[in-house]
Amino acid sequence: MNSITLPANYNILSCDEMTYTEGGVGVVQAVMAWFPLYGWYKAVSTIHDYRKANINSNWVENGMNALVVHAEKSSLNTIHDAGCSFWFAASCASIIGLVPNALIIFGS
């Protein structure tokens, strides 16, 4: 009898599936983060979601630490996070961009 017996909780994941389970981004997402609208939207929506999930903590400082941890997971994460951070900072540099950012981040 030629069979392999594995534990019931054993799973085989492809490289693409590991990207999602480890919290990484793909090549397309990393490149898209450098396009203004996508990079800005991902940054603002991620900050909104993080603030909402961590409302009772120091979400600004903890969020910056979470950004660093996420960026350190892979080079694609670093490229993605740098692009999103760039477009978020660029939008905050003007009063015109600062108001929509605040409305989205602090909205419910």
N, C-alpha and C. Protein backbone atom coordinates (compact mmCIF):
# COMPACT_ATOMS: atom_id res chain seq x y z
N MET A 1 0.85 -1.16 0.00
CA MET A 1 0.00 0.00 0.00
C MET A 1 0.91 1.24 0.00
N ASN A 2 0.80 2.07 -1.02
CA ASN A 2 1.59 3.29 -1.15
C ASN A 2 0.71 4.51 -0.92
N SER A 3 0.62 4.93 0.31
CA SER A 3 -0.17 6.11 0.61
C SER A 3 0.56 6.96 1.64
N ILE A 4 0.27 8.24 1.59
CA ILE A 4 0.84 9.18 2.55
C ILE A 4 -0.28 9.63 3.47
N THR A 5 -0.03 9.54 4.75
CA THR A 5 -1.02 9.97 5.73
C THR A 5 -0.53 11.27 6.36
N LEU A 6 -1.35 12.30 6.24
CA LEU A 6 -1.02 13.60 6.79
C LEU A 6 -2.03 13.97 7.87
N PRO A 7 -1.66 14.86 8.77
CA PRO A 7 -2.63 15.29 9.79
C PRO A 7 -3.86 15.92 9.15
N ALA A 8 -4.97 15.87 9.86
CA ALA A 8 -6.23 16.39 9.32
C ALA A 8 -6.17 17.89 9.04
N ASN A 9 -5.34 18.64 9.77
CA ASN A 9 -5.29 20.08 9.58
C ASN A 9 -4.17 20.50 8.62
N TYR A 10 -3.59 19.58 7.87
CA TYR A 10 -2.50 19.88 6.94
C TYR A 10 -3.04 20.47 5.65
N ASN A 11 -2.46 21.59 5.22
CA ASN A 11 -2.87 22.24 3.98
C ASN A 11 -1.64 22.53 3.12
N ILE A 12 -1.80 22.39 1.84
CA ILE A 12 -0.75 22.77 0.91
C ILE A 12 -1.18 24.07 0.25
N LEU A 13 -0.32 25.08 0.32
CA LEU A 13 -0.63 26.39 -0.26
C LEU A 13 0.38 26.72 -1.34
N SER A 14 -0.13 27.32 -2.41
CA SER A 14 0.77 27.79 -3.46
C SER A 14 1.40 29.11 -3.01
N CYS A 15 2.38 29.59 -3.77
CA CYS A 15 3.02 30.87 -3.44
C CYS A 15 2.02 32.01 -3.45
N ASP A 16 1.08 31.98 -4.41
CA ASP A 16 0.06 33.04 -4.48
C ASP A 16 -0.82 33.03 -3.24
N GLU A 17 -1.17 31.85 -2.78
CA GLU A 17 -2.01 31.77 -1.58
C GLU A 17 -1.25 32.23 -0.34
N MET A 18 0.05 31.99 -0.29
CA MET A 18 0.84 32.43 0.85
C MET A 18 0.87 33.95 0.94
N THR A 19 0.84 34.62 -0.20
CA THR A 19 0.82 36.08 -0.21
C THR A 19 -0.37 36.58 0.58
N TYR A 20 -1.52 35.95 0.41
CA TYR A 20 -2.73 36.41 1.10
C TYR A 20 -2.75 36.00 2.56
N THR A 21 -2.22 34.82 2.90
CA THR A 21 -2.25 34.40 4.29
C THR A 21 -1.21 35.13 5.13
N GLU A 22 -0.13 35.60 4.52
CA GLU A 22 0.90 36.32 5.25
C GLU A 22 0.68 37.83 5.24
N GLY A 23 -0.36 38.29 4.60
CA GLY A 23 -0.66 39.71 4.59
C GLY A 23 0.15 40.51 3.60
N GLY A 24 0.59 39.87 2.55
CA GLY A 24 1.40 40.56 1.56
C GLY A 24 0.57 41.06 0.40
N VAL A 25 1.20 41.89 -0.43
CA VAL A 25 0.56 42.38 -1.63
C VAL A 25 1.23 41.74 -2.83
N GLY A 26 0.51 41.73 -3.93
CA GLY A 26 1.05 41.18 -5.16
C GLY A 26 1.78 42.24 -5.97
N VAL A 27 2.37 41.83 -7.06
CA VAL A 27 3.12 42.74 -7.93
C VAL A 27 2.20 43.84 -8.47
N VAL A 28 1.01 43.47 -8.90
CA VAL A 28 0.09 44.47 -9.47
C VAL A 28 -0.28 45.52 -8.43
N GLN A 29 -0.57 45.09 -7.21
CA GLN A 29 -0.92 46.04 -6.15
C GLN A 29 0.25 46.95 -5.82
N ALA A 30 1.46 46.39 -5.80
CA ALA A 30 2.64 47.20 -5.50
C ALA A 30 2.87 48.27 -6.55
N VAL A 31 2.67 47.93 -7.81
CA VAL A 31 2.84 48.90 -8.90
C VAL A 31 1.70 49.92 -8.88
N MET A 32 0.47 49.45 -8.68
CA MET A 32 -0.69 50.34 -8.69
C MET A 32 -0.63 51.38 -7.57
N ALA A 33 0.05 51.07 -6.48
CA ALA A 33 0.14 52.02 -5.37
C ALA A 33 0.84 53.31 -5.76
N TRP A 34 1.59 53.28 -6.85
CA TRP A 34 2.29 54.48 -7.30
C TRP A 34 1.47 55.31 -8.27
N PHE A 35 0.27 54.86 -8.59
CA PHE A 35 -0.66 55.67 -9.38
C PHE A 35 -1.48 56.51 -8.41
N PRO A 36 -1.62 57.80 -8.67
CA PRO A 36 -2.19 58.72 -7.68
C PRO A 36 -3.52 58.30 -7.07
N LEU A 37 -4.52 58.03 -7.86
CA LEU A 37 -5.85 57.76 -7.30
C LEU A 37 -5.87 56.46 -6.49
N TYR A 38 -5.27 55.41 -7.03
CA TYR A 38 -5.26 54.13 -6.31
C TYR A 38 -4.44 54.23 -5.03
N GLY A 39 -3.24 54.81 -5.11
CA GLY A 39 -2.39 54.93 -3.93
C GLY A 39 -3.03 55.75 -2.84
N TRP A 40 -3.64 56.87 -3.23
CA TRP A 40 -4.33 57.71 -2.24
C TRP A 40 -5.50 56.97 -1.62
N TYR A 41 -6.32 56.31 -2.46
CA TYR A 41 -7.50 55.61 -1.96
C TYR A 41 -7.12 54.48 -0.99
N LYS A 42 -6.11 53.69 -1.37
CA LYS A 42 -5.69 52.59 -0.49
C LYS A 42 -5.19 53.13 0.84
N ALA A 43 -4.44 54.23 0.81
CA ALA A 43 -3.91 54.81 2.05
C ALA A 43 -5.04 55.30 2.95
N VAL A 44 -5.93 56.09 2.39
CA VAL A 44 -7.01 56.68 3.19
C VAL A 44 -7.96 55.60 3.72
N SER A 45 -8.31 54.63 2.89
CA SER A 45 -9.22 53.58 3.34
C SER A 45 -8.57 52.68 4.39
N THR A 46 -7.27 52.43 4.27
CA THR A 46 -6.57 51.61 5.26
C THR A 46 -6.47 52.34 6.59
N ILE A 47 -6.18 53.63 6.55
CA ILE A 47 -6.14 54.42 7.78
C ILE A 47 -7.52 54.46 8.44
N HIS A 48 -8.55 54.65 7.64
CA HIS A 48 -9.93 54.66 8.17
C HIS A 48 -10.24 53.33 8.86
N ASP A 49 -9.95 52.22 8.19
CA ASP A 49 -10.25 50.90 8.75
C ASP A 49 -9.45 50.65 10.03
N TYR A 50 -8.18 51.05 10.04
CA TYR A 50 -7.34 50.85 11.22
C TYR A 50 -7.84 51.69 12.39
N ARG A 51 -8.18 52.94 12.12
CA ARG A 51 -8.70 53.81 13.18
C ARG A 51 -9.98 53.26 13.76
N LYS A 52 -10.85 52.78 12.90
CA LYS A 52 -12.13 52.24 13.35
C LYS A 52 -11.94 50.97 14.19
N ALA A 53 -10.97 50.14 13.82
CA ALA A 53 -10.71 48.90 14.56
C ALA A 53 -9.97 49.15 15.87
N ASN A 54 -9.26 50.26 15.97
CA ASN A 54 -8.44 50.56 17.15
C ASN A 54 -8.82 51.90 17.76
N ILE A 55 -10.08 52.15 17.89
CA ILE A 55 -10.59 53.45 18.32
C ILE A 55 -10.18 53.79 19.76
N ASN A 56 -10.00 52.81 20.62
CA ASN A 56 -9.68 53.07 22.02
C ASN A 56 -8.19 53.09 22.32
N SER A 57 -7.37 53.01 21.29
CA SER A 57 -5.92 53.02 21.51
C SER A 57 -5.32 54.26 20.87
N ASN A 58 -4.03 54.40 21.01
CA ASN A 58 -3.32 55.48 20.34
C ASN A 58 -3.13 55.05 18.89
N TRP A 59 -4.18 55.18 18.10
CA TRP A 59 -4.20 54.60 16.76
C TRP A 59 -3.21 55.26 15.81
N VAL A 60 -2.82 56.50 16.03
CA VAL A 60 -1.85 57.14 15.14
C VAL A 60 -0.47 56.49 15.33
N GLU A 61 0.00 56.44 16.56
CA GLU A 61 1.32 55.84 16.82
C GLU A 61 1.33 54.35 16.52
N ASN A 62 0.30 53.65 16.97
CA ASN A 62 0.22 52.21 16.72
C ASN A 62 0.07 51.92 15.23
N GLY A 63 -0.64 52.78 14.52
CA GLY A 63 -0.81 52.62 13.08
C GLY A 63 0.50 52.77 12.34
N MET A 64 1.33 53.72 12.77
CA MET A 64 2.64 53.89 12.15
C MET A 64 3.51 52.65 12.40
N ASN A 65 3.44 52.10 13.61
CA ASN A 65 4.18 50.88 13.90
C ASN A 65 3.67 49.71 13.06
N ALA A 66 2.35 49.63 12.88
CA ALA A 66 1.77 48.57 12.05
C ALA A 66 2.20 48.72 10.59
N LEU A 67 2.31 49.95 10.12
CA LEU A 67 2.77 50.20 8.76
C LEU A 67 4.20 49.70 8.58
N VAL A 68 5.05 49.97 9.54
CA VAL A 68 6.45 49.52 9.47
C VAL A 68 6.52 47.99 9.48
N VAL A 69 5.75 47.37 10.35
CA VAL A 69 5.74 45.90 10.41
C VAL A 69 5.26 45.32 9.09
N HIS A 70 4.20 45.90 8.51
CA HIS A 70 3.69 45.41 7.22
C HIS A 70 4.72 45.59 6.12
N ALA A 71 5.39 46.73 6.09
CA ALA A 71 6.38 47.01 5.05
C ALA A 71 7.58 46.08 5.15
N GLU A 72 7.91 45.65 6.36
CA GLU A 72 9.08 44.78 6.55
C GLU A 72 8.83 43.33 6.16
N LYS A 73 7.58 42.96 5.92
CA LYS A 73 7.27 41.57 5.58
C LYS A 73 7.82 41.15 4.23
N SER A 74 7.84 42.06 3.26
CA SER A 74 8.36 41.72 1.93
C SER A 74 8.71 42.99 1.17
N SER A 75 9.50 42.83 0.14
CA SER A 75 9.87 43.99 -0.68
C SER A 75 8.67 44.55 -1.42
N LEU A 76 7.73 43.69 -1.83
CA LEU A 76 6.52 44.18 -2.49
C LEU A 76 5.67 45.01 -1.53
N ASN A 77 5.61 44.58 -0.27
CA ASN A 77 4.89 45.38 0.73
C ASN A 77 5.55 46.74 0.89
N THR A 78 6.88 46.77 0.89
CA THR A 78 7.60 48.03 1.04
C THR A 78 7.29 48.97 -0.12
N ILE A 79 7.32 48.46 -1.34
CA ILE A 79 7.02 49.27 -2.52
C ILE A 79 5.59 49.79 -2.45
N HIS A 80 4.65 48.92 -2.09
CA HIS A 80 3.23 49.29 -1.98
C HIS A 80 3.03 50.36 -0.91
N ASP A 81 3.57 50.12 0.27
CA ASP A 81 3.36 51.05 1.38
C ASP A 81 4.03 52.39 1.12
N ALA A 82 5.17 52.39 0.45
CA ALA A 82 5.84 53.65 0.11
C ALA A 82 5.00 54.46 -0.88
N GLY A 83 4.42 53.79 -1.86
CA GLY A 83 3.57 54.47 -2.83
C GLY A 83 2.33 55.07 -2.19
N CYS A 84 1.67 54.27 -1.37
CA CYS A 84 0.46 54.76 -0.69
C CYS A 84 0.81 55.92 0.24
N SER A 85 1.90 55.80 0.98
CA SER A 85 2.32 56.86 1.90
C SER A 85 2.65 58.14 1.14
N PHE A 86 3.30 57.98 0.01
CA PHE A 86 3.64 59.16 -0.80
C PHE A 86 2.40 59.91 -1.24
N TRP A 87 1.42 59.19 -1.79
CA TRP A 87 0.22 59.87 -2.29
C TRP A 87 -0.64 60.42 -1.17
N PHE A 88 -0.63 59.76 -0.01
CA PHE A 88 -1.36 60.30 1.13
C PHE A 88 -0.71 61.60 1.60
N ALA A 89 0.61 61.60 1.73
CA ALA A 89 1.32 62.81 2.16
C ALA A 89 1.15 63.94 1.14
N ALA A 90 1.19 63.58 -0.13
CA ALA A 90 1.01 64.60 -1.18
C ALA A 90 -0.38 65.21 -1.10
N SER A 91 -1.38 64.38 -0.81
CA SER A 91 -2.74 64.93 -0.72
C SER A 91 -2.92 65.77 0.53
N CYS A 92 -2.19 65.46 1.60
CA CYS A 92 -2.29 66.25 2.83
C CYS A 92 -1.54 67.57 2.73
N ALA A 93 -0.66 67.69 1.75
CA ALA A 93 0.14 68.90 1.62
C ALA A 93 -0.69 70.11 1.20
N SER A 94 -1.89 69.88 0.74
CA SER A 94 -2.75 70.99 0.36
C SER A 94 -4.03 70.97 1.19
N ILE A 95 -4.58 72.12 1.42
CA ILE A 95 -5.84 72.21 2.16
C ILE A 95 -6.95 71.48 1.40
N ILE A 96 -6.89 71.53 0.09
CA ILE A 96 -7.91 70.88 -0.74
C ILE A 96 -7.93 69.38 -0.49
N GLY A 97 -6.77 68.76 -0.33
CA GLY A 97 -6.72 67.32 -0.08
C GLY A 97 -6.90 66.96 1.37
N LEU A 98 -6.52 67.85 2.26
CA LEU A 98 -6.60 67.56 3.69
C LEU A 98 -8.03 67.37 4.16
N VAL A 99 -8.93 68.16 3.68
CA VAL A 99 -10.33 68.09 4.11
C VAL A 99 -10.98 66.75 3.72
N PRO A 100 -10.90 66.31 2.45
CA PRO A 100 -11.47 65.00 2.13
C PRO A 100 -10.82 63.86 2.89
N ASN A 101 -9.49 63.94 3.09
CA ASN A 101 -8.81 62.90 3.87
C ASN A 101 -9.40 62.79 5.27
N ALA A 102 -9.55 63.94 5.93
CA ALA A 102 -10.10 63.94 7.29
C ALA A 102 -11.53 63.42 7.32
N LEU A 103 -12.33 63.82 6.33
CA LEU A 103 -13.72 63.36 6.28
C LEU A 103 -13.79 61.85 6.10
N ILE A 104 -12.92 61.28 5.27
CA ILE A 104 -12.94 59.84 5.06
C ILE A 104 -12.40 59.10 6.28
N ILE A 105 -11.28 59.55 6.81
CA ILE A 105 -10.66 58.86 7.94
C ILE A 105 -11.54 58.89 9.18
N PHE A 106 -12.15 60.04 9.47
CA PHE A 106 -12.96 60.16 10.67
C PHE A 106 -14.44 59.88 10.45
N GLY A 107 -14.82 59.54 9.22
CA GLY A 107 -16.20 59.18 8.93
C GLY A 107 -16.54 57.81 9.51
N SER A 108 -17.80 57.52 9.61
CA SER A 108 -18.20 56.23 10.20
C SER A 108 -18.23 55.12 9.23
